[in-house]
Amino acid sequence: MFSYFLALGIISTIQMADALQSRSIEKSFESIEQQEGINARVRRSIGRQDCGRLDPFLMLDEMMGLGGNSGFPDHPHRGFETVTYVLKGCLTHEDFKGNKGVLNEGDLQWMTAGKGILHSEMPCGDGQARGLQLWVNLPAKYKMCDPRYQELKSKDIPKVEKDGVMVAVIAGKAMGIESKVYTTTPIYYLDFKLQPGASHFQEIGKTWNAFIYILDGKGLFGNVGGSKECSAHYTLLFNQKGDGIRFENNGSEVLHFVLVAGQPIGESVAQAGPFVMNTNDELRQAMLDFRMCTNGFEDANGWKSENGKALIAKLAK
């Protein structure tokens, strides 16, 4: 009956938004700086000791202050995807298949490691870089697929702005636009910027897990009258009771955050650092394959990235 009156225009979209119920924050915590790679600093959102995986997501890092003497030299992955999104500066990338390139501000790389990738990620020159890297699990049937990349320049990432709310749709859909990225599991990865006083309600799947990581500013999250104020570098985990998430910028600066949500895979996870499988036997095999340069890691034998060698040589001086 509700949809019938909505179709007739009797119920406005504003009234419909008011009728939607926002999920509530189940847990919130600040992400503290820690060192990763070589001289690199990150703030880890999910994927830490006091907040593990959030199916289908394994980890989210905010990479900060990456300069000429820091980076992430040669390292492997198997069984999941890494999603690198550059917020400031630029990053270079190389892998053992000969793929290489540069990600500039606003660019995206969605890398499906599948059965195996060995690669490096470094800031360009001596400039300071800032970005996000999200790890997304793969279902068992895709863990040993061939590696592949989806790369989008900033201009090719769908964006829309309305009533003080701007969103870049990295994956999924929001505010009437949809991402060009293919995901094996239904996922929303949305980069929101809200001007002071602006608010929005983002619908998400009823059974999906969801979290927000705040990059800059502060805001209110949850239903009007029951919302919670949170600020930069906080991670917000939401329950599944609601149609989506409401947020509002109650500060004087731009509120900038990412909303990440996805349908759980519901499979067992066996993880050791950059190897993510379903069983311990598979995990041991993954580590053996990498060590022996077999079963997807053949090209790792003797390979070293140019940007990784350059950093090590620079630090040795």
Protein backbone atom coordinates (compact mmCIF):
# COMPACT_ATOMS: atom_id res chain seq x y z
CA MET A 1 0.00 0.00 0.00
CA PHE A 2 2.86 2.36 0.86
CA SER A 3 4.44 1.88 -2.59
CA TYR A 4 1.02 2.48 -4.23
CA PHE A 5 0.64 5.91 -2.64
CA LEU A 6 4.29 6.70 -3.35
CA ALA A 7 3.72 5.96 -7.06
CA LEU A 8 0.79 8.40 -7.04
CA GLY A 9 3.01 11.07 -5.55
CA ILE A 10 0.90 11.27 -2.40
CA ILE A 11 3.87 10.40 -0.22
CA SER A 12 6.88 12.62 -0.85
CA THR A 13 10.45 11.40 -1.02
CA ILE A 14 11.14 13.43 2.12
CA GLN A 15 8.44 11.55 4.00
CA MET A 16 9.86 8.29 2.66
CA ALA A 17 13.32 9.18 3.96
CA ASP A 18 11.83 9.96 7.36
CA ALA A 19 10.14 6.55 7.37
CA LEU A 20 13.43 4.71 6.82
CA GLN A 21 15.18 3.51 9.96
CA SER A 22 18.90 3.99 10.37
CA ARG A 23 21.15 1.33 11.79
CA SER A 24 22.78 2.18 15.11
CA ILE A 25 26.45 2.14 16.02
CA GLU A 26 27.34 -1.12 17.71
CA LYS A 27 30.96 -0.23 18.39
CA SER A 28 33.26 2.71 17.73
CA PHE A 29 36.99 3.09 18.29
CA GLU A 30 39.90 5.30 17.28
CA SER A 31 42.51 3.98 14.86
CA ILE A 32 46.01 4.57 16.22
CA GLU A 33 49.08 5.05 14.03
CA GLN A 34 51.35 2.05 13.54
CA GLN A 35 54.27 1.22 11.26
CA GLU A 36 53.97 -1.06 8.24
CA GLY A 37 56.25 -1.81 5.30
CA ILE A 38 59.40 0.33 5.36
CA ASN A 39 59.01 3.59 7.33
CA ALA A 40 55.32 3.72 6.37
CA ARG A 41 52.62 4.80 8.81
CA VAL A 42 49.05 3.54 8.73
CA ARG A 43 45.91 3.81 10.83
CA ARG A 44 44.22 0.40 10.86
CA SER A 45 40.43 0.39 10.95
CA ILE A 46 39.16 -3.21 10.86
CA GLY A 47 41.58 -6.14 10.82
CA ARG A 48 43.27 -5.34 14.12
CA GLN A 49 43.53 -7.30 17.36
CA ASP A 50 40.51 -5.68 19.04
CA CYS A 51 38.42 -5.60 15.86
CA GLY A 52 38.98 -8.48 13.48
CA ARG A 53 37.44 -9.20 10.11
CA LEU A 54 33.96 -8.00 9.14
CA ASP A 55 32.84 -10.51 6.50
CA PRO A 56 33.54 -10.05 3.58
CA PHE A 57 36.13 -7.43 4.59
CA LEU A 58 39.49 -8.37 6.06
CA MET A 59 41.22 -5.06 6.71
CA LEU A 60 41.16 -1.32 6.01
CA ASP A 61 44.28 0.84 6.38
CA GLU A 62 44.63 4.58 6.01
CA MET A 63 48.12 5.06 4.59
CA MET A 64 49.55 8.39 5.72
CA GLY A 65 52.61 10.53 5.17
CA LEU A 66 54.19 8.21 2.61
CA GLY A 67 57.34 9.91 1.35
CA GLY A 68 60.57 9.20 -0.49
CA ASN A 69 62.05 7.02 2.26
CA SER A 70 59.00 4.82 2.81
CA GLY A 71 56.82 2.33 1.02
CA PHE A 72 55.70 -1.25 0.66
CA PRO A 73 58.39 -3.25 -1.18
CA ASP A 74 57.91 -6.69 -2.73
CA HIS A 75 55.27 -8.78 -0.93
CA PRO A 76 52.83 -11.56 -1.95
CA HIS A 77 49.06 -12.04 -1.80
CA ARG A 78 46.75 -14.99 -2.38
CA GLY A 79 43.03 -15.63 -1.94
CA PHE A 80 41.59 -12.09 -1.72
CA GLU A 81 41.48 -8.63 -3.31
CA THR A 82 43.27 -5.39 -2.44
CA VAL A 83 41.55 -2.10 -3.21
CA THR A 84 43.90 0.90 -3.30
CA TYR A 85 42.35 4.39 -3.40
CA VAL A 86 44.64 7.44 -3.51
CA LEU A 87 43.50 10.49 -1.54
CA LYS A 88 46.59 12.67 -1.98
CA GLY A 89 49.81 12.47 -3.97
CA CYS A 90 50.56 9.38 -6.05
CA LEU A 91 51.70 5.76 -5.77
CA THR A 92 53.66 3.56 -8.16
CA HIS A 93 52.90 -0.12 -8.59
CA GLU A 94 54.85 -3.07 -10.04
CA ASP A 95 54.21 -6.81 -10.09
CA PHE A 96 56.06 -9.97 -11.11
CA LYS A 97 54.05 -10.26 -14.35
CA GLY A 98 55.55 -7.02 -15.67
CA ASN A 99 52.52 -4.87 -14.88
CA LYS A 100 53.38 -1.40 -13.62
CA GLY A 101 51.76 1.99 -13.40
CA VAL A 102 51.02 5.12 -11.40
CA LEU A 103 47.96 5.90 -9.31
CA ASN A 104 47.36 9.64 -8.93
CA GLU A 105 45.05 11.50 -6.57
CA GLY A 106 41.52 10.09 -6.80
CA ASP A 107 42.58 7.01 -8.79
CA LEU A 108 41.53 3.46 -7.92
CA GLN A 109 43.14 0.05 -8.32
CA TRP A 110 41.03 -3.05 -7.61
CA MET A 111 43.48 -5.96 -7.65
CA THR A 112 42.24 -9.54 -7.50
CA ALA A 113 45.22 -11.53 -6.25
CA GLY A 114 43.53 -14.89 -6.83
CA LYS A 115 46.09 -17.71 -6.88
CA GLY A 116 49.01 -15.36 -6.47
CA ILE A 117 50.56 -11.93 -6.91
CA LEU A 118 53.97 -10.60 -5.88
CA HIS A 119 54.10 -6.82 -6.09
CA SER A 120 55.31 -3.53 -4.62
CA GLU A 121 53.62 -0.20 -3.84
CA MET A 122 55.62 2.99 -3.40
CA PRO A 123 54.97 6.74 -3.19
CA CYS A 124 56.10 8.78 -6.20
CA GLY A 125 59.32 10.70 -5.67
CA ASP A 126 59.67 12.59 -2.41
CA GLY A 127 56.10 13.86 -2.25
CA GLN A 128 53.73 12.96 0.56
CA ALA A 129 51.00 10.45 -0.30
CA ARG A 130 47.80 9.50 1.52
CA GLY A 131 45.42 6.72 0.62
CA LEU A 132 43.24 3.82 1.69
CA GLN A 133 43.75 0.12 1.16
CA LEU A 134 40.83 -2.24 1.70
CA TRP A 135 41.22 -6.02 1.72
CA VAL A 136 38.17 -7.94 0.45
CA ASN A 137 37.88 -11.69 0.88
CA LEU A 138 37.15 -13.95 -2.09
CA PRO A 139 34.68 -16.87 -1.97
CA ALA A 140 36.34 -20.30 -2.04
CA LYS A 141 35.48 -20.86 -5.70
CA TYR A 142 37.43 -17.74 -6.74
CA LYS A 143 40.47 -17.98 -4.45
CA MET A 144 42.59 -19.70 -7.10
CA CYS A 145 41.43 -17.63 -10.08
CA ASP A 146 43.95 -15.88 -12.32
CA PRO A 147 45.08 -12.48 -11.03
CA ARG A 148 43.47 -9.44 -12.63
CA TYR A 149 43.25 -5.67 -12.28
CA GLN A 150 40.50 -3.09 -12.55
CA GLU A 151 41.93 0.42 -12.62
CA LEU A 152 39.94 3.62 -12.83
CA LYS A 153 41.25 7.16 -13.14
CA SER A 154 39.59 9.70 -10.88
CA LYS A 155 37.61 11.14 -13.81
CA ASP A 156 36.12 7.69 -14.50
CA ILE A 157 34.85 7.08 -10.95
CA PRO A 158 31.15 8.07 -10.88
CA LYS A 159 30.51 11.12 -8.68
CA VAL A 160 27.46 13.21 -7.85
CA GLU A 161 26.77 16.19 -5.58
CA LYS A 162 23.41 17.33 -4.24
CA ASP A 163 22.35 19.51 -1.32
CA GLY A 164 25.85 19.66 0.13
CA VAL A 165 26.47 15.91 -0.15
CA MET A 166 29.10 14.59 -2.58
CA VAL A 167 29.78 10.91 -3.15
CA ALA A 168 32.35 9.06 -5.25
CA VAL A 169 31.02 5.56 -5.92
CA ILE A 170 34.00 3.21 -5.82
CA ALA A 171 31.78 0.10 -5.70
CA GLY A 172 28.01 -0.37 -5.62
CA LYS A 173 25.58 2.51 -6.03
CA ALA A 174 24.46 5.69 -4.28
CA MET A 175 22.42 8.81 -5.03
CA GLY A 176 21.32 7.47 -8.41
CA ILE A 177 24.72 6.53 -9.83
CA GLU A 178 26.52 3.18 -10.02
CA SER A 179 30.15 2.04 -10.04
CA LYS A 180 31.83 0.51 -13.07
CA VAL A 181 33.78 -1.94 -10.88
CA TYR A 182 32.86 -5.63 -10.93
CA THR A 183 32.84 -7.31 -7.52
CA THR A 184 32.54 -11.05 -6.89
CA THR A 185 30.47 -10.31 -3.76
CA PRO A 186 27.86 -7.50 -3.59
CA ILE A 187 29.69 -4.53 -2.04
CA TYR A 188 29.25 -0.80 -1.46
CA TYR A 189 32.42 1.28 -1.13
CA LEU A 190 31.37 4.94 -1.00
CA ASP A 191 33.52 8.04 -0.48
CA PHE A 192 31.31 10.75 1.09
CA LYS A 193 32.01 14.45 1.67
CA LEU A 194 29.36 16.52 3.47
CA GLN A 195 29.32 20.29 3.79
CA PRO A 196 28.40 21.74 7.22
CA GLY A 197 24.69 21.20 7.91
CA ALA A 198 24.24 18.59 5.16
CA SER A 199 22.72 15.17 5.84
CA HIS A 200 21.95 12.00 3.91
CA PHE A 201 20.46 8.52 4.30
CA GLN A 202 22.25 5.69 2.50
CA GLU A 203 20.29 2.49 2.04
CA ILE A 204 22.19 -0.81 2.27
CA GLY A 205 21.27 -4.50 2.15
CA LYS A 206 19.36 -5.80 5.17
CA THR A 207 21.80 -8.65 5.84
CA TRP A 208 24.97 -6.79 4.90
CA ASN A 209 27.75 -5.94 7.32
CA ALA A 210 28.68 -2.26 7.33
CA PHE A 211 31.22 0.13 8.80
CA ILE A 212 32.35 3.73 8.38
CA TYR A 213 35.87 5.13 8.66
CA ILE A 214 36.09 8.90 9.19
CA LEU A 215 38.95 10.65 7.42
CA ASP A 216 38.32 14.30 8.33
CA GLY A 217 35.80 16.35 10.31
CA LYS A 218 33.06 15.19 12.64
CA GLY A 219 29.42 14.22 12.31
CA LEU A 220 26.32 12.54 13.70
CA PHE A 221 25.58 8.95 12.72
CA GLY A 222 22.29 7.11 13.28
CA ASN A 223 18.63 8.06 13.67
CA VAL A 224 17.66 11.62 14.58
CA GLY A 225 17.41 11.75 18.36
CA GLY A 226 19.52 8.64 18.79
CA SER A 227 22.61 9.50 16.78
CA LYS A 228 26.18 9.51 18.03
CA GLU A 229 28.85 12.11 17.32
CA CYS A 230 32.16 10.77 16.01
CA SER A 231 35.26 12.41 14.55
CA ALA A 232 38.31 11.81 12.37
CA HIS A 233 40.16 8.48 12.55
CA TYR A 234 37.23 6.71 14.23
CA THR A 235 35.79 3.46 12.91
CA LEU A 236 32.06 2.89 13.39
CA LEU A 237 30.61 -0.63 13.27
CA PHE A 238 26.84 -0.79 12.69
CA ASN A 239 24.22 -3.35 13.67
CA GLN A 240 21.85 -4.86 11.10
CA LYS A 241 18.64 -3.34 12.49
CA GLY A 242 17.60 -0.78 9.89
CA ASP A 243 17.25 0.11 6.23
CA GLY A 244 20.59 1.86 5.97
CA ILE A 245 22.66 4.55 7.69
CA ARG A 246 21.83 8.21 8.32
CA PHE A 247 24.63 10.75 8.75
CA GLU A 248 24.86 14.51 9.22
CA ASN A 249 27.66 17.07 9.35
CA ASN A 250 27.12 19.00 12.58
CA GLY A 251 30.57 20.60 12.47
CA SER A 252 32.06 23.66 10.81
CA GLU A 253 34.42 21.77 8.48
CA VAL A 254 33.81 19.28 5.67
CA LEU A 255 32.96 15.80 6.94
CA HIS A 256 34.86 13.19 4.90
CA PHE A 257 34.45 9.44 5.39
CA VAL A 258 34.10 6.14 3.57
CA LEU A 259 31.12 3.84 4.01
CA VAL A 260 31.92 0.18 3.36
CA ALA A 261 29.21 -2.49 3.30
CA GLY A 262 28.88 -5.94 1.83
CA GLN A 263 27.04 -9.22 1.76
CA PRO A 264 28.78 -11.77 4.03
CA ILE A 265 30.38 -14.73 2.28
CA GLY A 266 29.74 -16.98 5.26
CA GLU A 267 32.76 -19.26 4.80
CA SER A 268 35.55 -20.25 7.17
CA VAL A 269 38.70 -18.12 6.98
CA ALA A 270 42.29 -19.23 7.53
CA GLN A 271 44.70 -16.30 7.34
CA ALA A 272 48.42 -15.76 7.76
CA GLY A 273 49.27 -12.18 6.81
CA PRO A 274 48.89 -11.80 3.02
CA PHE A 275 47.56 -15.34 2.49
CA VAL A 276 43.81 -15.84 3.01
CA MET A 277 42.30 -19.27 2.44
CA ASN A 278 39.48 -21.40 3.88
CA THR A 279 41.41 -24.13 5.72
CA ASN A 280 44.75 -24.47 7.48
CA ASP A 281 45.85 -27.07 4.94
CA GLU A 282 45.17 -24.59 2.11
CA LEU A 283 47.03 -21.92 4.06
CA ARG A 284 50.10 -24.12 4.50
CA GLN A 285 49.98 -24.95 0.78
CA ALA A 286 49.82 -21.25 -0.11
CA MET A 287 52.93 -20.49 1.92
CA LEU A 288 54.72 -23.50 0.43
CA ASP A 289 53.75 -22.46 -3.11
CA PHE A 290 55.20 -19.00 -2.53
CA ARG A 291 58.40 -20.35 -1.00
CA MET A 292 58.86 -22.87 -3.82
CA CYS A 293 57.68 -20.48 -6.59
CA THR A 294 54.98 -22.90 -7.80
CA ASN A 295 51.23 -23.05 -8.47
CA GLY A 296 50.77 -19.39 -9.36
CA PHE A 297 54.03 -18.00 -8.00
CA GLU A 298 56.34 -19.27 -10.77
CA ASP A 299 57.30 -15.74 -11.85
CA ALA A 300 58.35 -14.86 -8.30
CA ASN A 301 61.60 -16.79 -8.78
CA GLY A 302 64.37 -14.16 -8.78
CA TRP A 303 62.00 -11.22 -9.34
CA LYS A 304 62.60 -7.89 -7.63
CA SER A 305 60.69 -4.68 -8.34
CA GLU A 306 62.57 -1.66 -9.67
CA ASN A 307 60.95 0.74 -7.20
CA GLY A 308 61.67 -1.65 -4.32
CA LYS A 309 65.34 -1.91 -5.29
CA ALA A 310 65.54 1.88 -5.60
CA LEU A 311 64.19 2.40 -2.07
CA ILE A 312 66.53 -0.17 -0.53
CA ALA A 313 69.52 1.37 -2.35
CA LYS A 314 68.49 4.84 -1.18
CA LEU A 315 68.25 3.75 2.44
CA ALA A 316 71.62 1.98 2.23
CA LYS A 317 73.47 5.22 1.42
